[in-house]
Amino acid sequence: VLGVKQPGWNVCSWSGSQHDLTVFATTYTLDDVRSNKNNEEFIPL
């Protein structure tokens, strides 16, 4: 993230002509993602 390693995360980003892609790998779980108050509009896939 802006060139700084985040403990517990592996992050990589790429740019495209229409959009950017970032892939985050973490030891946190889907339950952690769901319970984060900064996230909304959860849709099961």
All heavy atoms as atom14 arrays in JSON, in Angstrom:
{
  "sequence": "VLGVKQPGWNVCSWSGSQHDLTVFATTYTLDDVRSNKNNEEFIPL",
  "atom14_mask": [
    [1, 1, 1, 1, 1, 1, 1, 0, 0, 0, 0, 0, 0, 0],
    [1, 1, 1, 1, 1, 1, 1, 1, 0, 0, 0, 0, 0, 0],
    [1, 1, 1, 1, 0, 0, 0, 0, 0, 0, 0, 0, 0, 0],
    [1, 1, 1, 1, 1, 1, 1, 0, 0, 0, 0, 0, 0, 0],
    [1, 1, 1, 1, 1, 1, 1, 1, 1, 0, 0, 0, 0, 0],
    [1, 1, 1, 1, 1, 1, 1, 1, 1, 0, 0, 0, 0, 0],
    [1, 1, 1, 1, 1, 1, 1, 0, 0, 0, 0, 0, 0, 0],
    [1, 1, 1, 1, 0, 0, 0, 0, 0, 0, 0, 0, 0, 0],
    [1, 1, 1, 1, 1, 1, 1, 1, 1, 1, 1, 1, 1, 1],
    [1, 1, 1, 1, 1, 1, 1, 1, 0, 0, 0, 0, 0, 0],
    [1, 1, 1, 1, 1, 1, 1, 0, 0, 0, 0, 0, 0, 0],
    [1, 1, 1, 1, 1, 1, 0, 0, 0, 0, 0, 0, 0, 0],
    [1, 1, 1, 1, 1, 1, 0, 0, 0, 0, 0, 0, 0, 0],
    [1, 1, 1, 1, 1, 1, 1, 1, 1, 1, 1, 1, 1, 1],
    [1, 1, 1, 1, 1, 1, 0, 0, 0, 0, 0, 0, 0, 0],
    [1, 1, 1, 1, 0, 0, 0, 0, 0, 0, 0, 0, 0, 0],
    [1, 1, 1, 1, 1, 1, 0, 0, 0, 0, 0, 0, 0, 0],
    [1, 1, 1, 1, 1, 1, 1, 1, 1, 0, 0, 0, 0, 0],
    [1, 1, 1, 1, 1, 1, 1, 1, 1, 1, 0, 0, 0, 0],
    [1, 1, 1, 1, 1, 1, 1, 1, 0, 0, 0, 0, 0, 0],
    [1, 1, 1, 1, 1, 1, 1, 1, 0, 0, 0, 0, 0, 0],
    [1, 1, 1, 1, 1, 1, 1, 0, 0, 0, 0, 0, 0, 0],
    [1, 1, 1, 1, 1, 1, 1, 0, 0, 0, 0, 0, 0, 0],
    [1, 1, 1, 1, 1, 1, 1, 1, 1, 1, 1, 0, 0, 0],
    [1, 1, 1, 1, 1, 0, 0, 0, 0, 0, 0, 0, 0, 0],
    [1, 1, 1, 1, 1, 1, 1, 0, 0, 0, 0, 0, 0, 0],
    [1, 1, 1, 1, 1, 1, 1, 0, 0, 0, 0, 0, 0, 0],
    [1, 1, 1, 1, 1, 1, 1, 1, 1, 1, 1, 1, 0, 0],
    [1, 1, 1, 1, 1, 1, 1, 0, 0, 0, 0, 0, 0, 0],
    [1, 1, 1, 1, 1, 1, 1, 1, 0, 0, 0, 0, 0, 0],
    [1, 1, 1, 1, 1, 1, 1, 1, 0, 0, 0, 0, 0, 0],
    [1, 1, 1, 1, 1, 1, 1, 1, 0, 0, 0, 0, 0, 0],
    [1, 1, 1, 1, 1, 1, 1, 0, 0, 0, 0, 0, 0, 0],
    [1, 1, 1, 1, 1, 1, 1, 1, 1, 1, 1, 0, 0, 0],
    [1, 1, 1, 1, 1, 1, 0, 0, 0, 0, 0, 0, 0, 0],
    [1, 1, 1, 1, 1, 1, 1, 1, 0, 0, 0, 0, 0, 0],
    [1, 1, 1, 1, 1, 1, 1, 1, 1, 0, 0, 0, 0, 0],
    [1, 1, 1, 1, 1, 1, 1, 1, 0, 0, 0, 0, 0, 0],
    [1, 1, 1, 1, 1, 1, 1, 1, 0, 0, 0, 0, 0, 0],
    [1, 1, 1, 1, 1, 1, 1, 1, 1, 0, 0, 0, 0, 0],
    [1, 1, 1, 1, 1, 1, 1, 1, 1, 0, 0, 0, 0, 0],
    [1, 1, 1, 1, 1, 1, 1, 1, 1, 1, 1, 0, 0, 0],
    [1, 1, 1, 1, 1, 1, 1, 1, 0, 0, 0, 0, 0, 0],
    [1, 1, 1, 1, 1, 1, 1, 0, 0, 0, 0, 0, 0, 0],
    [1, 1, 1, 1, 1, 1, 1, 1, 0, 0, 0, 0, 0, 0]
  ],
  "atom14_positions": [
    [[0.86, -1.18, 0.0], [0.0, 0.0, 0.0], [0.9, 1.22, 0.0], [1.59, 1.49, 0.98], [-0.95, 0.01, 1.22], [-1.78, 1.27, 1.25], [-1.84, -1.23, 1.21], [0.0, 0.0, 0.0], [0.0, 0.0, 0.0], [0.0, 0.0, 0.0], [0.0, 0.0, 0.0], [0.0, 0.0, 0.0], [0.0, 0.0, 0.0], [0.0, 0.0, 0.0]],
    [[0.93, 1.92, -1.13], [1.81, 3.07, -1.32], [3.25, 2.7, -0.99], [4.0, 3.48, -0.41], [1.34, 4.26, -0.49], [-0.08, 4.76, -0.81], [-0.49, 5.85, 0.17], [-0.18, 5.24, -2.23], [0.0, 0.0, 0.0], [0.0, 0.0, 0.0], [0.0, 0.0, 0.0], [0.0, 0.0, 0.0], [0.0, 0.0, 0.0], [0.0, 0.0, 0.0]],
    [[3.64, 1.45, -1.35], [5.0, 0.98, -1.15], [5.33, 0.51, 0.25], [6.48, 0.17, 0.53], [0.0, 0.0, 0.0], [0.0, 0.0, 0.0], [0.0, 0.0, 0.0], [0.0, 0.0, 0.0], [0.0, 0.0, 0.0], [0.0, 0.0, 0.0], [0.0, 0.0, 0.0], [0.0, 0.0, 0.0], [0.0, 0.0, 0.0], [0.0, 0.0, 0.0]],
    [[4.36, 0.46, 1.14], [4.61, 0.06, 2.52], [3.93, -1.29, 2.79], [2.72, -1.43, 2.61], [4.07, 1.13, 3.51], [4.29, 0.68, 4.95], [4.72, 2.47, 3.25], [0.0, 0.0, 0.0], [0.0, 0.0, 0.0], [0.0, 0.0, 0.0], [0.0, 0.0, 0.0], [0.0, 0.0, 0.0], [0.0, 0.0, 0.0], [0.0, 0.0, 0.0]],
    [[4.71, -2.27, 3.24], [4.18, -3.6, 3.59], [3.27, -3.47, 4.8], [3.61, -2.83, 5.79], [5.36, -4.54, 3.9], [4.96, -5.87, 4.49], [4.32, -6.77, 3.48], [4.08, -8.16, 4.07], [2.71, -8.58, 4.01], [0.0, 0.0, 0.0], [0.0, 0.0, 0.0], [0.0, 0.0, 0.0], [0.0, 0.0, 0.0], [0.0, 0.0, 0.0]],
    [[2.09, -4.07, 4.7], [1.12, -4.06, 5.79], [1.16, -5.42, 6.48], [0.95, -6.44, 5.83], [-0.29, -3.79, 5.24], [-0.42, -2.52, 4.44], [-0.09, -1.29, 5.26], [-0.63, -1.09, 6.33], [0.82, -0.47, 4.76], [0.0, 0.0, 0.0], [0.0, 0.0, 0.0], [0.0, 0.0, 0.0], [0.0, 0.0, 0.0], [0.0, 0.0, 0.0]],
    [[1.43, -5.47, 7.77], [1.48, -6.76, 8.48], [0.15, -7.51, 8.33], [-0.93, -6.93, 8.49], [1.71, -6.36, 9.94], [2.32, -4.99, 9.88], [1.72, -4.34, 8.66], [0.0, 0.0, 0.0], [0.0, 0.0, 0.0], [0.0, 0.0, 0.0], [0.0, 0.0, 0.0], [0.0, 0.0, 0.0], [0.0, 0.0, 0.0], [0.0, 0.0, 0.0]],
    [[0.25, -8.79, 8.0], [-0.95, -9.61, 7.83], [-1.58, -9.51, 6.46], [-2.63, -10.1, 6.22], [0.0, 0.0, 0.0], [0.0, 0.0, 0.0], [0.0, 0.0, 0.0], [0.0, 0.0, 0.0], [0.0, 0.0, 0.0], [0.0, 0.0, 0.0], [0.0, 0.0, 0.0], [0.0, 0.0, 0.0], [0.0, 0.0, 0.0], [0.0, 0.0, 0.0]],
    [[-0.96, -8.78, 5.55], [-1.51, -8.56, 4.21], [-0.43, -8.71, 3.15], [0.72, -8.3, 3.35], [-2.06, -7.14, 4.08], [-3.22, -6.84, 4.98], [-3.16, -6.44, 6.28], [-4.59, -6.93, 4.65], [-4.43, -6.26, 6.77], [-5.32, -6.55, 5.8], [-5.28, -7.27, 3.49], [-6.71, -6.52, 5.82], [-6.66, -7.23, 3.51], [-7.37, -6.86, 4.66]],
    [[-0.79, -9.26, 2.0], [0.01, -9.19, 0.77], [-0.88, -8.47, -0.23], [-2.0, -8.92, -0.5], [0.38, -10.58, 0.25], [1.43, -11.25, 1.1], [2.26, -10.57, 1.72], [1.41, -12.57, 1.16], [0.0, 0.0, 0.0], [0.0, 0.0, 0.0], [0.0, 0.0, 0.0], [0.0, 0.0, 0.0], [0.0, 0.0, 0.0], [0.0, 0.0, 0.0]],
    [[-0.41, -7.35, -0.76], [-1.22, -6.49, -1.62], [-0.48, -6.25, -2.93], [0.72, -5.98, -2.94], [-1.5, -5.14, -0.93], [-2.37, -4.26, -1.81], [-2.14, -5.34, 0.44], [0.0, 0.0, 0.0], [0.0, 0.0, 0.0], [0.0, 0.0, 0.0], [0.0, 0.0, 0.0], [0.0, 0.0, 0.0], [0.0, 0.0, 0.0], [0.0, 0.0, 0.0]],
    [[-1.22, -6.32, -4.03], [-0.64, -6.02, -5.34], [-1.7, -5.32, -6.2], [-2.87, -5.71, -6.2], [-0.17, -7.3, -6.02], [1.06, -6.98, -7.31], [0.0, 0.0, 0.0], [0.0, 0.0, 0.0], [0.0, 0.0, 0.0], [0.0, 0.0, 0.0], [0.0, 0.0, 0.0], [0.0, 0.0, 0.0], [0.0, 0.0, 0.0], [0.0, 0.0, 0.0]],
    [[-1.27, -4.29, -6.93], [-2.17, -3.51, -7.79], [-1.64, -3.42, -9.2], [-0.42, -3.43, -9.41], [-2.31, -2.08, -7.24], [-2.82, -2.09, -5.94], [0.0, 0.0, 0.0], [0.0, 0.0, 0.0], [0.0, 0.0, 0.0], [0.0, 0.0, 0.0], [0.0, 0.0, 0.0], [0.0, 0.0, 0.0], [0.0, 0.0, 0.0], [0.0, 0.0, 0.0]],
    [[-2.57, -3.3, -10.15], [-2.24, -3.11, -11.56], [-3.24, -2.13, -12.15], [-4.38, -2.05, -11.72], [-2.34, -4.43, -12.32], [-1.44, -5.5, -11.81], [-0.16, -5.77, -12.22], [-1.75, -6.49, -10.82], [0.33, -6.85, -11.54], [-0.62, -7.3, -10.66], [-2.87, -6.74, -10.03], [-0.57, -8.36, -9.77], [-2.83, -7.8, -9.13], [-1.69, -8.59, -9.0]],
    [[-2.81, -1.42, -13.18], [-3.69, -0.47, -13.87], [-4.08, -0.99, -15.24], [-3.3, -1.69, -15.9], [-2.98, 0.88, -14.05], [-2.71, 1.44, -12.79], [0.0, 0.0, 0.0], [0.0, 0.0, 0.0], [0.0, 0.0, 0.0], [0.0, 0.0, 0.0], [0.0, 0.0, 0.0], [0.0, 0.0, 0.0], [0.0, 0.0, 0.0], [0.0, 0.0, 0.0]],
    [[-5.28, -0.61, -15.65], [-5.76, -0.93, -16.98], [-6.29, 0.33, -17.63], [-6.32, 1.4, -17.0], [0.0, 0.0, 0.0], [0.0, 0.0, 0.0], [0.0, 0.0, 0.0], [0.0, 0.0, 0.0], [0.0, 0.0, 0.0], [0.0, 0.0, 0.0], [0.0, 0.0, 0.0], [0.0, 0.0, 0.0], [0.0, 0.0, 0.0], [0.0, 0.0, 0.0]],
    [[-6.72, 0.23, -18.86], [-7.2, 1.42, -19.56], [-8.55, 1.89, -19.02], [-8.87, 3.08, -19.07], [-7.31, 1.15, -21.06], [-8.23, 0.11, -21.3], [0.0, 0.0, 0.0], [0.0, 0.0, 0.0], [0.0, 0.0, 0.0], [0.0, 0.0, 0.0], [0.0, 0.0, 0.0], [0.0, 0.0, 0.0], [0.0, 0.0, 0.0], [0.0, 0.0, 0.0]],
    [[-9.35, 0.98, -18.47], [-10.68, 1.33, -17.97], [-10.77, 1.37, -16.45], [-11.57, 2.12, -15.9], [-11.72, 0.32, -18.48], [-11.8, 0.25, -19.98], [-12.23, 1.57, -20.6], [-13.18, 2.18, -20.14], [-11.52, 2.02, -21.61], [0.0, 0.0, 0.0], [0.0, 0.0, 0.0], [0.0, 0.0, 0.0], [0.0, 0.0, 0.0], [0.0, 0.0, 0.0]],
    [[-9.99, 0.54, -15.77], [-10.07, 0.44, -14.32], [-8.76, -0.1, -13.75], [-7.9, -0.56, -14.49], [-11.24, -0.48, -13.91], [-11.12, -1.86, -14.48], [-11.69, -2.19, -15.69], [-10.48, -2.96, -14.05], [-11.4, -3.45, -15.96], [-10.66, -3.94, -14.98], [0.0, 0.0, 0.0], [0.0, 0.0, 0.0], [0.0, 0.0, 0.0], [0.0, 0.0, 0.0]],
    [[-8.65, -0.05, -12.44], [-7.5, -0.6, -11.73], [-7.93, -1.84, -10.97], [-9.08, -1.96, -10.56], [-6.94, 0.43, -10.74], [-6.43, 1.69, -11.43], [-5.96, 1.6, -12.58], [-6.5, 2.75, -10.81], [0.0, 0.0, 0.0], [0.0, 0.0, 0.0], [0.0, 0.0, 0.0], [0.0, 0.0, 0.0], [0.0, 0.0, 0.0], [0.0, 0.0, 0.0]],
    [[-6.99, -2.76, -10.77], [-7.21, -3.99, -10.04], [-6.25, -4.04, -8.87], [-5.05, -3.81, -9.04], [-6.97, -5.2, -10.96], [-6.83, -6.57, -10.29], [-8.14, -7.0, -9.63], [-6.38, -7.6, -11.33], [0.0, 0.0, 0.0], [0.0, 0.0, 0.0], [0.0, 0.0, 0.0], [0.0, 0.0, 0.0], [0.0, 0.0, 0.0], [0.0, 0.0, 0.0]],
    [[-6.77, -4.32, -7.68], [-5.93, -4.58, -6.51], [-6.38, -5.9, -5.92], [-7.57, -6.15, -5.77], [-6.07, -3.47, -5.45], [-5.73, -2.21, -6.05], [-5.13, -3.72, -4.27], [0.0, 0.0, 0.0], [0.0, 0.0, 0.0], [0.0, 0.0, 0.0], [0.0, 0.0, 0.0], [0.0, 0.0, 0.0], [0.0, 0.0, 0.0], [0.0, 0.0, 0.0]],
    [[-5.4, -6.75, -5.61], [-5.69, -8.03, -4.97], [-5.02, -8.03, -3.61], [-3.81, -7.8, -3.5], [-5.2, -9.22, -5.83], [-5.5, -10.54, -5.13], [-5.86, -9.19, -7.21], [0.0, 0.0, 0.0], [0.0, 0.0, 0.0], [0.0, 0.0, 0.0], [0.0, 0.0, 0.0], [0.0, 0.0, 0.0], [0.0, 0.0, 0.0], [0.0, 0.0, 0.0]],
    [[-5.84, -8.24, -2.57], [-5.39, -8.27, -1.19], [-5.47, -9.72, -0.7], [-6.55, -10.31, -0.78], [-6.31, -7.45, -0.28], [-6.46, -6.01, -0.62], [-7.36, -5.6, -1.6], [-5.74, -5.04, 0.06], [-7.53, -4.25, -1.89], [-5.91, -3.69, -0.22], [-6.8, -3.3, -1.2], [0.0, 0.0, 0.0], [0.0, 0.0, 0.0], [0.0, 0.0, 0.0]],
    [[-4.4, -10.27, -0.18], [-4.44, -11.57, 0.51], [-4.23, -11.28, 1.98], [-3.36, -10.49, 2.35], [-3.35, -12.49, -0.03], [0.0, 0.0, 0.0], [0.0, 0.0, 0.0], [0.0, 0.0, 0.0], [0.0, 0.0, 0.0], [0.0, 0.0, 0.0], [0.0, 0.0, 0.0], [0.0, 0.0, 0.0], [0.0, 0.0, 0.0], [0.0, 0.0, 0.0]],
    [[-5.05, -11.9, 2.82], [-4.98, -11.61, 4.25], [-5.31, -12.84, 5.09], [-5.92, -13.79, 4.59], [-5.94, -10.46, 4.62], [-5.8, -10.15, 6.01], [-7.38, -10.81, 4.31], [0.0, 0.0, 0.0], [0.0, 0.0, 0.0], [0.0, 0.0, 0.0], [0.0, 0.0, 0.0], [0.0, 0.0, 0.0], [0.0, 0.0, 0.0], [0.0, 0.0, 0.0]],
    [[-4.92, -12.79, 6.34], [-5.29, -13.83, 7.28], [-6.65, -13.54, 7.91], [-7.19, -14.37, 8.63], [-4.22, -13.98, 8.38], [-4.03, -12.71, 9.0], [-2.91, -14.48, 7.79], [0.0, 0.0, 0.0], [0.0, 0.0, 0.0], [0.0, 0.0, 0.0], [0.0, 0.0, 0.0], [0.0, 0.0, 0.0], [0.0, 0.0, 0.0], [0.0, 0.0, 0.0]],
    [[-7.21, -12.37, 7.66], [-8.55, -12.06, 8.14], [-9.56, -12.89, 7.36], [-9.29, -13.35, 6.26], [-8.85, -10.57, 8.03], [-7.99, -9.76, 8.96], [-6.86, -9.1, 8.5], [-8.28, -9.69, 10.32], [-6.05, -8.39, 9.37], [-7.48, -8.98, 11.19], [-6.35, -8.33, 10.71], [-5.56, -7.64, 11.57], [0.0, 0.0, 0.0], [0.0, 0.0, 0.0]],
    [[-10.75, -13.06, 7.89], [-11.75, -13.95, 7.33], [-12.88, -13.18, 6.64], [-12.99, -11.96, 6.77], [-12.37, -14.82, 8.43], [-13.11, -13.96, 9.32], [-11.3, -15.58, 9.21], [0.0, 0.0, 0.0], [0.0, 0.0, 0.0], [0.0, 0.0, 0.0], [0.0, 0.0, 0.0], [0.0, 0.0, 0.0], [0.0, 0.0, 0.0], [0.0, 0.0, 0.0]],
    [[-13.76, -13.94, 5.98], [-14.95, -13.32, 5.39], [-15.84, -12.72, 6.47], [-16.47, -11.69, 6.25], [-15.76, -14.35, 4.59], [-15.21, -14.74, 3.23], [-16.16, -15.71, 2.54], [-14.94, -13.55, 2.36], [0.0, 0.0, 0.0], [0.0, 0.0, 0.0], [0.0, 0.0, 0.0], [0.0, 0.0, 0.0], [0.0, 0.0, 0.0], [0.0, 0.0, 0.0]],
    [[-15.89, -13.33, 7.63], [-16.66, -12.77, 8.74], [-16.11, -11.4, 9.15], [-16.87, -10.49, 9.47], [-16.69, -13.7, 9.94], [-17.58, -14.91, 9.72], [-18.49, -14.83, 8.85], [-17.38, -15.93, 10.41], [0.0, 0.0, 0.0], [0.0, 0.0, 0.0], [0.0, 0.0, 0.0], [0.0, 0.0, 0.0], [0.0, 0.0, 0.0], [0.0, 0.0, 0.0]],
    [[-14.77, -11.25, 9.12], [-14.16, -9.95, 9.42], [-14.57, -8.91, 8.39], [-14.88, -7.76, 8.73], [-12.63, -10.05, 9.46], [-12.11, -10.91, 10.6], [-12.74, -10.93, 11.68], [-11.06, -11.55, 10.41], [0.0, 0.0, 0.0], [0.0, 0.0, 0.0], [0.0, 0.0, 0.0], [0.0, 0.0, 0.0], [0.0, 0.0, 0.0], [0.0, 0.0, 0.0]],
    [[-14.61, -9.31, 7.11], [-15.02, -8.39, 6.05], [-16.47, -7.98, 6.26], [-16.81, -6.79, 6.2], [-14.84, -9.04, 4.65], [-15.44, -8.17, 3.56], [-13.37, -9.31, 4.37], [0.0, 0.0, 0.0], [0.0, 0.0, 0.0], [0.0, 0.0, 0.0], [0.0, 0.0, 0.0], [0.0, 0.0, 0.0], [0.0, 0.0, 0.0], [0.0, 0.0, 0.0]],
    [[-17.35, -8.96, 6.54], [-18.77, -8.69, 6.75], [-19.01, -7.78, 7.96], [-19.92, -6.96, 7.96], [-19.55, -9.98, 6.95], [-19.84, -10.72, 5.7], [-20.77, -11.9, 6.01], [-20.72, -12.87, 4.95], [-20.0, -13.99, 4.96], [-19.27, -14.3, 6.0], [-20.04, -14.81, 3.94], [0.0, 0.0, 0.0], [0.0, 0.0, 0.0], [0.0, 0.0, 0.0]],
    [[-18.22, -7.95, 9.02], [-18.45, -7.18, 10.24], [-17.8, -5.8, 10.22], [-18.04, -5.0, 11.12], [-17.98, -7.97, 11.46], [-16.57, -8.13, 11.42], [0.0, 0.0, 0.0], [0.0, 0.0, 0.0], [0.0, 0.0, 0.0], [0.0, 0.0, 0.0], [0.0, 0.0, 0.0], [0.0, 0.0, 0.0], [0.0, 0.0, 0.0], [0.0, 0.0, 0.0]],
    [[-17.04, -5.49, 9.19], [-16.4, -4.17, 9.09], [-17.46, -3.13, 8.76], [-18.1, -3.19, 7.71], [-15.31, -4.2, 8.02], [-14.5, -2.94, 7.98], [-14.99, -1.84, 8.25], [-13.24, -3.07, 7.6], [0.0, 0.0, 0.0], [0.0, 0.0, 0.0], [0.0, 0.0, 0.0], [0.0, 0.0, 0.0], [0.0, 0.0, 0.0], [0.0, 0.0, 0.0]],
    [[-17.66, -2.17, 9.65], [-18.71, -1.15, 9.47], [-18.45, -0.24, 8.27], [-19.34, 0.5, 7.86], [-18.85, -0.32, 10.74], [-17.62, 0.5, 11.05], [-17.77, 1.31, 12.31], [-16.48, 2.07, 12.54], [-16.52, 2.98, 13.62], [0.0, 0.0, 0.0], [0.0, 0.0, 0.0], [0.0, 0.0, 0.0], [0.0, 0.0, 0.0], [0.0, 0.0, 0.0]],
    [[-17.26, -0.32, 7.67], [-16.96, 0.48, 6.48], [-17.42, -0.19, 5.19], [-17.26, 0.38, 4.11], [-15.46, 0.75, 6.41], [-14.99, 1.6, 7.56], [-15.61, 2.59, 7.9], [-13.9, 1.18, 8.19], [0.0, 0.0, 0.0], [0.0, 0.0, 0.0], [0.0, 0.0, 0.0], [0.0, 0.0, 0.0], [0.0, 0.0, 0.0], [0.0, 0.0, 0.0]],
    [[-17.98, -1.39, 5.29], [-18.45, -2.13, 4.13], [-19.97, -2.27, 4.16], [-20.58, -2.32, 5.23], [-17.82, -3.53, 4.1], [-16.31, -3.47, 4.01], [-15.73, -2.52, 3.49], [-15.66, -4.49, 4.54], [0.0, 0.0, 0.0], [0.0, 0.0, 0.0], [0.0, 0.0, 0.0], [0.0, 0.0, 0.0], [0.0, 0.0, 0.0], [0.0, 0.0, 0.0]],
    [[-20.56, -2.34, 2.94], [-22.02, -2.47, 2.82], [-22.38, -3.18, 1.53], [-21.5, -3.48, 0.72], [-22.69, -1.09, 2.87], [-22.35, -0.2, 1.68], [-23.02, 1.17, 1.76], [-23.72, 1.46, 2.73], [-22.81, 1.95, 0.82], [0.0, 0.0, 0.0], [0.0, 0.0, 0.0], [0.0, 0.0, 0.0], [0.0, 0.0, 0.0], [0.0, 0.0, 0.0]],
    [[-23.67, -3.41, 1.33], [-24.21, -4.02, 0.11], [-23.61, -5.39, -0.17], [-23.17, -5.68, -1.28], [-24.03, -3.09, -1.1], [-24.8, -1.81, -1.01], [-24.66, -0.94, -2.25], [-24.4, -1.47, -3.35], [-24.81, 0.29, -2.11], [0.0, 0.0, 0.0], [0.0, 0.0, 0.0], [0.0, 0.0, 0.0], [0.0, 0.0, 0.0], [0.0, 0.0, 0.0]],
    [[-23.6, -6.25, 0.82], [-23.05, -7.59, 0.68], [-23.96, -8.46, -0.17], [-25.16, -8.54, 0.08], [-22.88, -8.23, 2.06], [-21.93, -7.48, 2.94], [-22.41, -6.61, 3.91], [-20.56, -7.62, 2.79], [-21.54, -5.91, 4.73], [-19.69, -6.91, 3.6], [-20.17, -6.06, 4.57], [0.0, 0.0, 0.0], [0.0, 0.0, 0.0], [0.0, 0.0, 0.0]],
    [[-23.39, -9.09, -1.18], [-24.14, -9.99, -2.05], [-23.4, -11.32, -2.11], [-22.23, -11.35, -2.52], [-24.3, -9.4, -3.46], [-25.06, -8.07, -3.39], [-24.98, -10.39, -4.4], [-25.12, -7.31, -4.69], [0.0, 0.0, 0.0], [0.0, 0.0, 0.0], [0.0, 0.0, 0.0], [0.0, 0.0, 0.0], [0.0, 0.0, 0.0], [0.0, 0.0, 0.0]],
    [[-24.06, -12.42, -1.69], [-23.41, -13.73, -1.78], [-23.19, -14.1, -3.25], [-24.04, -13.82, -4.1], [-24.39, -14.69, -1.12], [-25.51, -13.87, -0.6], [-25.38, -12.48, -1.12], [0.0, 0.0, 0.0], [0.0, 0.0, 0.0], [0.0, 0.0, 0.0], [0.0, 0.0, 0.0], [0.0, 0.0, 0.0], [0.0, 0.0, 0.0], [0.0, 0.0, 0.0]],
    [[-22.06, -14.72, -3.54], [-21.73, -15.12, -4.91], [-21.44, -16.61, -4.98], [-20.95, -17.19, -4.01], [-20.49, -14.37, -5.4], [-20.55, -12.86, -5.46], [-19.19, -12.29, -5.82], [-21.59, -12.42, -6.48], [0.0, 0.0, 0.0], [0.0, 0.0, 0.0], [0.0, 0.0, 0.0], [0.0, 0.0, 0.0], [0.0, 0.0, 0.0], [0.0, 0.0, 0.0]]
  ]
}
